Amino acid sequence: MLRRLFEREQYLSELAAPLEMSFPAASKHVRVLEDADLVERRVVGRTHICRVAGDRLSDASRWLEGYRRLWETKFQALDELLVEMKDKEQRDGGGP
């Protein structure tokens, strides 16, 4: 559901249809996303319109980016160590 809401705002019935969910089941799923501040829903008459709540996802994206950079640095250091070990093994005759 969340992935589809990134594309555009959608009616709850649109979100439910491809998942073969009933309206009440889809509504429960959206409620969980609302409780996590990931989705906002507005009701116009009997129509429920859902959209991504951008602020919360921006916060999550920034938090994840920090960890991505941390792990990227660690993997780069591991790559360098492996190259160094391979070079040393080749210089020392290639075997254990």
PDB file of N, CA and C in Angstrom:
ATOM      1  N   MET A   1       0.815  -1.196   0.000  1.00  0.00           N
ATOM      2  CA  MET A   1       0.000   0.000   0.000  1.00  0.00           C
ATOM      3  C   MET A   1       0.858   1.260   0.000  1.00  0.00           C
ATOM      4  N   LEU A   2       1.841   1.236   0.851  1.00  0.00           N
ATOM      5  CA  LEU A   2       2.693   2.418   0.973  1.00  0.00           C
ATOM      6  C   LEU A   2       3.408   2.720  -0.342  1.00  0.00           C
ATOM      7  N   ARG A   3       3.904   1.682  -0.989  1.00  0.00           N
ATOM      8  CA  ARG A   3       4.587   1.876  -2.270  1.00  0.00           C
ATOM      9  C   ARG A   3       3.643   2.508  -3.288  1.00  0.00           C
ATOM     10  N   ARG A   4       2.407   2.066  -3.320  1.00  0.00           N
ATOM     11  CA  ARG A   4       1.442   2.610  -4.271  1.00  0.00           C
ATOM     12  C   ARG A   4       1.078   4.038  -3.929  1.00  0.00           C
ATOM     13  N   LEU A   5       1.083   4.383  -2.649  1.00  0.00           N
ATOM     14  CA  LEU A   5       0.763   5.754  -2.260  1.00  0.00           C
ATOM     15  C   LEU A   5       1.889   6.722  -2.595  1.00  0.00           C
ATOM     16  N   PHE A   6       3.107   6.206  -2.780  1.00  0.00           N
ATOM     17  CA  PHE A   6       4.197   7.080  -3.217  1.00  0.00           C
ATOM     18  C   PHE A   6       3.921   7.594  -4.620  1.00  0.00           C
ATOM     19  N   GLU A   7       3.218   6.794  -5.415  1.00  0.00           N
ATOM     20  CA  GLU A   7       2.902   7.187  -6.789  1.00  0.00           C
ATOM     21  C   GLU A   7       1.919   8.347  -6.819  1.00  0.00           C
ATOM     22  N   ARG A   8       0.856   8.245  -5.985  1.00  0.00           N
ATOM     23  CA  ARG A   8      -0.161   9.292  -5.939  1.00  0.00           C
ATOM     24  C   ARG A   8      -1.136   9.010  -4.805  1.00  0.00           C
ATOM     25  N   GLU A   9      -1.890  10.017  -4.446  1.00  0.00           N
ATOM     26  CA  GLU A   9      -2.984   9.884  -3.494  1.00  0.00           C
ATOM     27  C   GLU A   9      -4.003   8.898  -4.069  1.00  0.00           C
ATOM     28  N   GLN A  10      -4.584   8.033  -3.223  1.00  0.00           N
ATOM     29  CA  GLN A  10      -5.533   7.039  -3.731  1.00  0.00           C
ATOM     30  C   GLN A  10      -6.705   6.858  -2.782  1.00  0.00           C
ATOM     31  N   TYR A  11      -7.822   6.456  -3.379  1.00  0.00           N
ATOM     32  CA  TYR A  11      -8.980   6.076  -2.583  1.00  0.00           C
ATOM     33  C   TYR A  11      -8.664   4.751  -1.895  1.00  0.00           C
ATOM     34  N   LEU A  12      -9.228   4.547  -0.726  1.00  0.00           N
ATOM     35  CA  LEU A  12      -9.001   3.310  -0.002  1.00  0.00           C
ATOM     36  C   LEU A  12      -9.436   2.102  -0.839  1.00  0.00           C
ATOM     37  N   SER A  13     -10.520   2.237  -1.554  1.00  0.00           N
ATOM     38  CA  SER A  13     -10.988   1.135  -2.399  1.00  0.00           C
ATOM     39  C   SER A  13      -9.977   0.820  -3.500  1.00  0.00           C
ATOM     40  N   GLU A  14      -9.267   1.832  -4.019  1.00  0.00           N
ATOM     41  CA  GLU A  14      -8.216   1.602  -5.022  1.00  0.00           C
ATOM     42  C   GLU A  14      -7.052   0.824  -4.417  1.00  0.00           C
ATOM     43  N   LEU A  15      -6.723   1.145  -3.170  1.00  0.00           N
ATOM     44  CA  LEU A  15      -5.630   0.449  -2.494  1.00  0.00           C
ATOM     45  C   LEU A  15      -5.989  -1.009  -2.225  1.00  0.00           C
ATOM     46  N   ALA A  16      -7.241  -1.246  -1.889  1.00  0.00           N
ATOM     47  CA  ALA A  16      -7.686  -2.590  -1.514  1.00  0.00           C
ATOM     48  C   ALA A  16      -7.827  -3.511  -2.720  1.00  0.00           C
ATOM     49  N   ALA A  17      -8.262  -2.990  -3.854  1.00  0.00           N
ATOM     50  CA  ALA A  17      -8.624  -3.826  -5.008  1.00  0.00           C
ATOM     51  C   ALA A  17      -7.523  -4.773  -5.478  1.00  0.00           C
ATOM     52  N   PRO A  18      -6.293  -4.298  -5.778  1.00  0.00           N
ATOM     53  CA  PRO A  18      -5.277  -5.233  -6.282  1.00  0.00           C
ATOM     54  C   PRO A  18      -4.819  -6.256  -5.244  1.00  0.00           C
ATOM     55  N   LEU A  19      -5.064  -5.960  -3.988  1.00  0.00           N
ATOM     56  CA  LEU A  19      -4.668  -6.877  -2.919  1.00  0.00           C
ATOM     57  C   LEU A  19      -5.790  -7.842  -2.555  1.00  0.00           C
ATOM     58  N   GLU A  20      -6.904  -7.698  -3.247  1.00  0.00           N
ATOM     59  CA  GLU A  20      -8.079  -8.534  -2.995  1.00  0.00           C
ATOM     60  C   GLU A  20      -8.467  -8.512  -1.522  1.00  0.00           C
ATOM     61  N   MET A  21      -8.505  -7.302  -0.979  1.00  0.00           N
ATOM     62  CA  MET A  21      -8.863  -7.102   0.426  1.00  0.00           C
ATOM     63  C   MET A  21     -10.238  -6.461   0.498  1.00  0.00           C
ATOM     64  N   SER A  22     -10.933  -6.756   1.570  1.00  0.00           N
ATOM     65  CA  SER A  22     -12.196  -6.075   1.817  1.00  0.00           C
ATOM     66  C   SER A  22     -11.892  -4.639   2.262  1.00  0.00           C
ATOM     67  N   PHE A  23     -12.890  -3.787   2.171  1.00  0.00           N
ATOM     68  CA  PHE A  23     -12.719  -2.409   2.623  1.00  0.00           C
ATOM     69  C   PHE A  23     -12.335  -2.363   4.107  1.00  0.00           C
ATOM     70  N   PRO A  24     -13.022  -3.132   4.992  1.00  0.00           N
ATOM     71  CA  PRO A  24     -12.635  -3.095   6.408  1.00  0.00           C
ATOM     72  C   PRO A  24     -11.196  -3.568   6.656  1.00  0.00           C
ATOM     73  N   ALA A  25     -10.762  -4.602   5.930  1.00  0.00           N
ATOM     74  CA  ALA A  25      -9.386  -5.085   6.104  1.00  0.00           C
ATOM     75  C   ALA A  25      -8.385  -4.029   5.642  1.00  0.00           C
ATOM     76  N   ALA A  26      -8.660  -3.410   4.497  1.00  0.00           N
ATOM     77  CA  ALA A  26      -7.772  -2.351   3.994  1.00  0.00           C
ATOM     78  C   ALA A  26      -7.751  -1.181   4.963  1.00  0.00           C
ATOM     79  N   SER A  27      -8.897  -0.866   5.520  1.00  0.00           N
ATOM     80  CA  SER A  27      -8.980   0.234   6.474  1.00  0.00           C
ATOM     81  C   SER A  27      -8.123  -0.049   7.709  1.00  0.00           C
ATOM     82  N   LYS A  28      -8.108  -1.284   8.169  1.00  0.00           N
ATOM     83  CA  LYS A  28      -7.262  -1.652   9.316  1.00  0.00           C
ATOM     84  C   LYS A  28      -5.787  -1.495   8.984  1.00  0.00           C
ATOM     85  N   HIS A  29      -5.397  -1.890   7.781  1.00  0.00           N
ATOM     86  CA  HIS A  29      -3.999  -1.742   7.363  1.00  0.00           C
ATOM     87  C   HIS A  29      -3.615  -0.261   7.299  1.00  0.00           C
ATOM     88  N   VAL A  30      -4.499   0.534   6.739  1.00  0.00           N
ATOM     89  CA  VAL A  30      -4.227   1.970   6.657  1.00  0.00           C
ATOM     90  C   VAL A  30      -4.156   2.564   8.056  1.00  0.00           C
ATOM     91  N   ARG A  31      -4.982   2.089   8.978  1.00  0.00           N
ATOM     92  CA  ARG A  31      -4.953   2.594  10.358  1.00  0.00           C
ATOM     93  C   ARG A  31      -3.577   2.348  10.993  1.00  0.00           C
ATOM     94  N   VAL A  32      -2.984   1.199  10.731  1.00  0.00           N
ATOM     95  CA  VAL A  32      -1.643   0.904  11.257  1.00  0.00           C
ATOM     96  C   VAL A  32      -0.636   1.896  10.681  1.00  0.00           C
ATOM     97  N   LEU A  33      -0.743   2.166   9.386  1.00  0.00           N
ATOM     98  CA  LEU A  33       0.166   3.130   8.747  1.00  0.00           C
ATOM     99  C   LEU A  33      -0.078   4.541   9.276  1.00  0.00           C
ATOM    100  N   GLU A  34      -1.334   4.858   9.560  1.00  0.00           N
ATOM    101  CA  GLU A  34      -1.658   6.161  10.162  1.00  0.00           C
ATOM    102  C   GLU A  34      -1.062   6.268  11.567  1.00  0.00           C
ATOM    103  N   ASP A  35      -1.199   5.207  12.342  1.00  0.00           N
ATOM    104  CA  ASP A  35      -0.665   5.209  13.714  1.00  0.00           C
ATOM    105  C   ASP A  35       0.851   5.387  13.726  1.00  0.00           C
ATOM    106  N   ALA A  36       1.501   4.931  12.660  1.00  0.00           N
ATOM    107  CA  ALA A  36       2.951   5.095  12.532  1.00  0.00           C
ATOM    108  C   ALA A  36       3.305   6.435  11.889  1.00  0.00           C
ATOM    109  N   ASP A  37       2.309   7.258  11.629  1.00  0.00           N
ATOM    110  CA  ASP A  37       2.490   8.572  10.989  1.00  0.00           C
ATOM    111  C   ASP A  37       3.107   8.464   9.601  1.00  0.00           C
ATOM    112  N   LEU A  38       2.828   7.379   8.905  1.00  0.00           N
ATOM    113  CA  LEU A  38       3.338   7.203   7.545  1.00  0.00           C
ATOM    114  C   LEU A  38       2.302   7.562   6.491  1.00  0.00           C
ATOM    115  N   VAL A  39       1.036   7.515   6.870  1.00  0.00           N
ATOM    116  CA  VAL A  39      -0.059   7.770   5.935  1.00  0.00           C
ATOM    117  C   VAL A  39      -1.063   8.702   6.594  1.00  0.00           C
ATOM    118  N   GLU A  40      -1.647   9.551   5.766  1.00  0.00           N
ATOM    119  CA  GLU A  40      -2.742  10.410   6.220  1.00  0.00           C
ATOM    120  C   GLU A  40      -3.993  10.034   5.433  1.00  0.00           C
ATOM    121  N   ARG A  41      -5.123  10.068   6.126  1.00  0.00           N
ATOM    122  CA  ARG A  41      -6.394   9.735   5.477  1.00  0.00           C
ATOM    123  C   ARG A  41      -7.359  10.887   5.720  1.00  0.00           C
ATOM    124  N   ARG A  42      -8.092  11.249   4.685  1.00  0.00           N
ATOM    125  CA  ARG A  42      -9.172  12.209   4.881  1.00  0.00           C
ATOM    126  C   ARG A  42     -10.447  11.583   4.331  1.00  0.00           C
ATOM    127  N   VAL A  43     -11.535  11.907   4.963  1.00  0.00           N
ATOM    128  CA  VAL A  43     -12.822  11.344   4.582  1.00  0.00           C
ATOM    129  C   VAL A  43     -13.675  12.456   4.005  1.00  0.00           C
ATOM    130  N   VAL A  44     -14.143  12.234   2.772  1.00  0.00           N
ATOM    131  CA  VAL A  44     -15.034  13.174   2.098  1.00  0.00           C
ATOM    132  C   VAL A  44     -16.322  12.402   1.815  1.00  0.00           C
ATOM    133  N   GLY A  45     -17.347  12.693   2.598  1.00  0.00           N
ATOM    134  CA  GLY A  45     -18.580  11.907   2.487  1.00  0.00           C
ATOM    135  C   GLY A  45     -18.295  10.483   2.942  1.00  0.00           C
ATOM    136  N   ARG A  46     -18.478   9.531   2.028  1.00  0.00           N
ATOM    137  CA  ARG A  46     -18.188   8.128   2.347  1.00  0.00           C
ATOM    138  C   ARG A  46     -16.878   7.669   1.725  1.00  0.00           C
ATOM    139  N   THR A  47     -16.162   8.599   1.126  1.00  0.00           N
ATOM    140  CA  THR A  47     -14.920   8.275   0.424  1.00  0.00           C
ATOM    141  C   THR A  47     -13.726   8.527   1.331  1.00  0.00           C
ATOM    142  N   HIS A  48     -12.836   7.538   1.409  1.00  0.00           N
ATOM    143  CA  HIS A  48     -11.605   7.664   2.188  1.00  0.00           C
ATOM    144  C   HIS A  48     -10.457   7.859   1.208  1.00  0.00           C
ATOM    145  N   ILE A  49      -9.746   8.963   1.358  1.00  0.00           N
ATOM    146  CA  ILE A  49      -8.635   9.285   0.467  1.00  0.00           C
ATOM    147  C   ILE A  49      -7.352   9.238   1.287  1.00  0.00           C
ATOM    148  N   CYS A  50      -6.371   8.467   0.799  1.00  0.00           N
ATOM    149  CA  CYS A  50      -5.121   8.252   1.538  1.00  0.00           C
ATOM    150  C   CYS A  50      -3.953   8.849   0.774  1.00  0.00           C
ATOM    151  N   ARG A  51      -2.972   9.317   1.542  1.00  0.00           N
ATOM    152  CA  ARG A  51      -1.733   9.812   0.938  1.00  0.00           C
ATOM    153  C   ARG A  51      -0.588   9.598   1.902  1.00  0.00           C
ATOM    154  N   VAL A  52       0.620   9.640   1.365  1.00  0.00           N
ATOM    155  CA  VAL A  52       1.824   9.492   2.180  1.00  0.00           C
ATOM    156  C   VAL A  52       1.988  10.733   3.048  1.00  0.00           C
ATOM    157  N   ALA A  53       2.364  10.522   4.280  1.00  0.00           N
ATOM    158  CA  ALA A  53       2.666  11.622   5.200  1.00  0.00           C
ATOM    159  C   ALA A  53       4.153  11.919   5.066  1.00  0.00           C
ATOM    160  N   GLY A  54       4.500  12.907   4.303  1.00  0.00           N
ATOM    161  CA  GLY A  54       5.883  13.187   3.927  1.00  0.00           C
ATOM    162  C   GLY A  54       6.842  13.486   5.055  1.00  0.00           C
ATOM    163  N   ASP A  55       6.410  14.201   6.081  1.00  0.00           N
ATOM    164  CA  ASP A  55       7.337  14.602   7.145  1.00  0.00           C
ATOM    165  C   ASP A  55       7.953  13.404   7.847  1.00  0.00           C
ATOM    166  N   ARG A  56       7.144  12.450   8.208  1.00  0.00           N
ATOM    167  CA  ARG A  56       7.633  11.289   8.957  1.00  0.00           C
ATOM    168  C   ARG A  56       8.595  10.462   8.101  1.00  0.00           C
ATOM    169  N   LEU A  57       8.270  10.308   6.821  1.00  0.00           N
ATOM    170  CA  LEU A  57       9.137   9.535   5.935  1.00  0.00           C
ATOM    171  C   LEU A  57      10.449  10.266   5.674  1.00  0.00           C
ATOM    172  N   SER A  58      10.415  11.569   5.657  1.00  0.00           N
ATOM    173  CA  SER A  58      11.656  12.331   5.509  1.00  0.00           C
ATOM    174  C   SER A  58      12.565  12.102   6.708  1.00  0.00           C
ATOM    175  N   ASP A  59      11.976  12.091   7.896  1.00  0.00           N
ATOM    176  CA  ASP A  59      12.755  11.812   9.109  1.00  0.00           C
ATOM    177  C   ASP A  59      13.382  10.425   9.031  1.00  0.00           C
ATOM    178  N   ALA A  60      12.595   9.433   8.623  1.00  0.00           N
ATOM    179  CA  ALA A  60      13.094   8.057   8.514  1.00  0.00           C
ATOM    180  C   ALA A  60      14.196   7.972   7.468  1.00  0.00           C
ATOM    181  N   SER A  61      14.019   8.669   6.367  1.00  0.00           N
ATOM    182  CA  SER A  61      15.021   8.648   5.304  1.00  0.00           C
ATOM    183  C   SER A  61      16.345   9.227   5.784  1.00  0.00           C
ATOM    184  N   ARG A  62      16.299  10.335   6.507  1.00  0.00           N
ATOM    185  CA  ARG A  62      17.534  10.935   7.048  1.00  0.00           C
ATOM    186  C   ARG A  62      18.217   9.986   8.022  1.00  0.00           C
ATOM    187  N   TRP A  63      17.438   9.336   8.878  1.00  0.00           N
ATOM    188  CA  TRP A  63      17.984   8.391   9.853  1.00  0.00           C
ATOM    189  C   TRP A  63      18.650   7.224   9.129  1.00  0.00           C
ATOM    190  N   LEU A  64      17.992   6.676   8.139  1.00  0.00           N
ATOM    191  CA  LEU A  64      18.559   5.556   7.385  1.00  0.00           C
ATOM    192  C   LEU A  64      19.799   5.967   6.613  1.00  0.00           C
ATOM    193  N   GLU A  65      19.825   7.182   6.099  1.00  0.00           N
ATOM    194  CA  GLU A  65      20.983   7.666   5.347  1.00  0.00           C
ATOM    195  C   GLU A  65      22.237   7.683   6.211  1.00  0.00           C
ATOM    196  N   GLY A  66      22.089   8.054   7.479  1.00  0.00           N
ATOM    197  CA  GLY A  66      23.228   8.036   8.391  1.00  0.00           C
ATOM    198  C   GLY A  66      23.804   6.642   8.537  1.00  0.00           C
ATOM    199  N   TYR A  67      22.942   5.654   8.670  1.00  0.00           N
ATOM    200  CA  TYR A  67      23.405   4.270   8.775  1.00  0.00           C
ATOM    201  C   TYR A  67      23.968   3.761   7.458  1.00  0.00           C
ATOM    202  N   ARG A  68      23.392   4.194   6.352  1.00  0.00           N
ATOM    203  CA  ARG A  68      23.925   3.781   5.050  1.00  0.00           C
ATOM    204  C   ARG A  68      25.367   4.262   4.908  1.00  0.00           C
ATOM    205  N   ARG A  69      25.612   5.510   5.280  1.00  0.00           N
ATOM    206  CA  ARG A  69      26.974   6.051   5.192  1.00  0.00           C
ATOM    207  C   ARG A  69      27.926   5.303   6.114  1.00  0.00           C
ATOM    208  N   LEU A  70      27.469   4.996   7.320  1.00  0.00           N
ATOM    209  CA  LEU A  70      28.295   4.250   8.274  1.00  0.00           C
ATOM    210  C   LEU A  70      28.690   2.894   7.691  1.00  0.00           C
ATOM    211  N   TRP A  71      27.725   2.141   7.180  1.00  0.00           N
ATOM    212  CA  TRP A  71      28.016   0.810   6.642  1.00  0.00           C
ATOM    213  C   TRP A  71      28.829   0.887   5.363  1.00  0.00           C
ATOM    214  N   GLU A  72      28.611   1.916   4.575  1.00  0.00           N
ATOM    215  CA  GLU A  72      29.415   2.090   3.364  1.00  0.00           C
ATOM    216  C   GLU A  72      30.887   2.262   3.724  1.00  0.00           C
ATOM    217  N   THR A  73      31.156   3.036   4.761  1.00  0.00           N
ATOM    218  CA  THR A  73      32.525   3.243   5.230  1.00  0.00           C
ATOM    219  C   THR A  73      33.124   1.931   5.730  1.00  0.00           C
ATOM    220  N   LYS A  74      32.346   1.171   6.480  1.00  0.00           N
ATOM    221  CA  LYS A  74      32.845  -0.107   7.006  1.00  0.00           C
ATOM    222  C   LYS A  74      33.104  -1.112   5.881  1.00  0.00           C
ATOM    223  N   PHE A  75      32.230  -1.165   4.891  1.00  0.00           N
ATOM    224  CA  PHE A  75      32.441  -2.086   3.765  1.00  0.00           C
ATOM    225  C   PHE A  75      33.641  -1.674   2.926  1.00  0.00           C
ATOM    226  N   GLN A  76      33.862  -0.370   2.793  1.00  0.00           N
ATOM    227  CA  GLN A  76      35.037   0.105   2.056  1.00  0.00           C
ATOM    228  C   GLN A  76      36.310  -0.323   2.783  1.00  0.00           C
ATOM    229  N   ALA A  77      36.325  -0.196   4.104  1.00  0.00           N
ATOM    230  CA  ALA A  77      37.490  -0.619   4.884  1.00  0.00           C
ATOM    231  C   ALA A  77      37.700  -2.127   4.760  1.00  0.00           C
ATOM    232  N   LEU A  78      36.629  -2.893   4.762  1.00  0.00           N
ATOM    233  CA  LEU A  78      36.739  -4.344   4.586  1.00  0.00           C
ATOM    234  C   LEU A  78      37.295  -4.683   3.207  1.00  0.00           C
ATOM    235  N   ASP A  79      36.813  -4.000   2.172  1.00  0.00           N
ATOM    236  CA  ASP A  79      37.342  -4.218   0.819  1.00  0.00           C
ATOM    237  C   ASP A  79      38.845  -3.959   0.769  1.00  0.00           C
ATOM    238  N   GLU A  80      39.271  -2.867   1.389  1.00  0.00           N
ATOM    239  CA  GLU A  80      40.692  -2.525   1.394  1.00  0.00           C
ATOM    240  C   GLU A  80      41.509  -3.590   2.131  1.00  0.00           C
ATOM    241  N   LEU A  81      40.996  -4.084   3.243  1.00  0.00           N
ATOM    242  CA  LEU A  81      41.680  -5.126   3.998  1.00  0.00           C
ATOM    243  C   LEU A  81      41.792  -6.409   3.174  1.00  0.00           C
ATOM    244  N   LEU A  82      40.734  -6.780   2.487  1.00  0.00           N
ATOM    245  CA  LEU A  82      40.765  -7.991   1.670  1.00  0.00           C
ATOM    246  C   LEU A  82      41.767  -7.873   0.528  1.00  0.00           C
ATOM    247  N   VAL A  83      41.842  -6.716  -0.098  1.00  0.00           N
ATOM    248  CA  VAL A  83      42.824  -6.489  -1.164  1.00  0.00           C
ATOM    249  C   VAL A  83      44.229  -6.593  -0.596  1.00  0.00           C
ATOM    250  N   GLU A  84      44.436  -5.985   0.566  1.00  0.00           N
ATOM    251  CA  GLU A  84      45.745  -6.038   1.226  1.00  0.00           C
ATOM    252  C   GLU A  84      46.129  -7.481   1.561  1.00  0.00           C
ATOM    253  N   MET A  85      45.184  -8.261   2.078  1.00  0.00           N
ATOM    254  CA  MET A  85      45.465  -9.655   2.420  1.00  0.00           C
ATOM    255  C   MET A  85      45.772 -10.477   1.162  1.00  0.00           C
ATOM    256  N   LYS A  86      45.057 -10.212   0.095  1.00  0.00           N
ATOM    257  CA  LYS A  86      45.290 -10.932  -1.158  1.00  0.00           C
ATOM    258  C   LYS A  86      46.672 -10.603  -1.708  1.00  0.00           C
ATOM    259  N   ASP A  87      47.033  -9.321  -1.669  1.00  0.00           N
ATOM    260  CA  ASP A  87      48.358  -8.908  -2.146  1.00  0.00           C
ATOM    261  C   ASP A  87      49.456  -9.556  -1.311  1.00  0.00           C
ATOM    262  N   LYS A  88      49.277  -9.586   0.005  1.00  0.00           N
ATOM    263  CA  LYS A  88      50.267 -10.192   0.885  1.00  0.00           C
ATOM    264  C   LYS A  88      50.398 -11.691   0.592  1.00  0.00           C
ATOM    265  N   GLU A  89      49.261 -12.345   0.388  1.00  0.00           N
ATOM    266  CA  GLU A  89      49.280 -13.778   0.085  1.00  0.00           C
ATOM    267  C   GLU A  89      50.038 -14.042  -1.219  1.00  0.00           C
ATOM    268  N   GLN A  90      49.833 -13.203  -2.210  1.00  0.00           N
ATOM    269  CA  GLN A  90      50.530 -13.366  -3.484  1.00  0.00           C
ATOM    270  C   GLN A  90      52.039 -13.139  -3.336  1.00  0.00           C
ATOM    271  N   ARG A  91      52.420 -12.148  -2.522  1.00  0.00           N
ATOM    272  CA  ARG A  91      53.837 -11.867  -2.298  1.00  0.00           C
ATOM    273  C   ARG A  91      54.517 -12.995  -1.526  1.00  0.00           C
ATOM    274  N   ASP A  92      53.771 -13.627  -0.608  1.00  0.00           N
ATOM    275  CA  ASP A  92      54.340 -14.661   0.257  1.00  0.00           C
ATOM    276  C   ASP A  92      54.295 -16.047  -0.372  1.00  0.00           C
ATOM    277  N   GLY A  93      53.842 -16.168  -1.572  1.00  0.00           N
ATOM    278  CA  GLY A  93      53.868 -17.465  -2.214  1.00  0.00           C
ATOM    279  C   GLY A  93      52.523 -18.086  -2.470  1.00  0.00           C
ATOM    280  N   GLY A  94      51.461 -17.429  -2.098  1.00  0.00           N
ATOM    281  CA  GLY A  94      50.147 -17.837  -2.520  1.00  0.00           C
ATOM    282  C   GLY A  94      49.442 -18.907  -1.757  1.00  0.00           C
ATOM    283  N   GLY A  95      49.899 -19.372  -0.651  1.00  0.00           N
ATOM    284  CA  GLY A  95      49.162 -20.435   0.006  1.00  0.00           C
ATOM    285  C   GLY A  95      49.269 -20.421   1.494  1.00  0.00           C
ATOM    286  N   PRO A  96      48.382 -21.162   2.157  1.00  0.00           N
ATOM    287  CA  PRO A  96      48.443 -21.234   3.624  1.00  0.00           C
ATOM    288  C   PRO A  96      49.577 -22.104   4.093  1.00  0.00           C
TER     289      PRO A  96
END
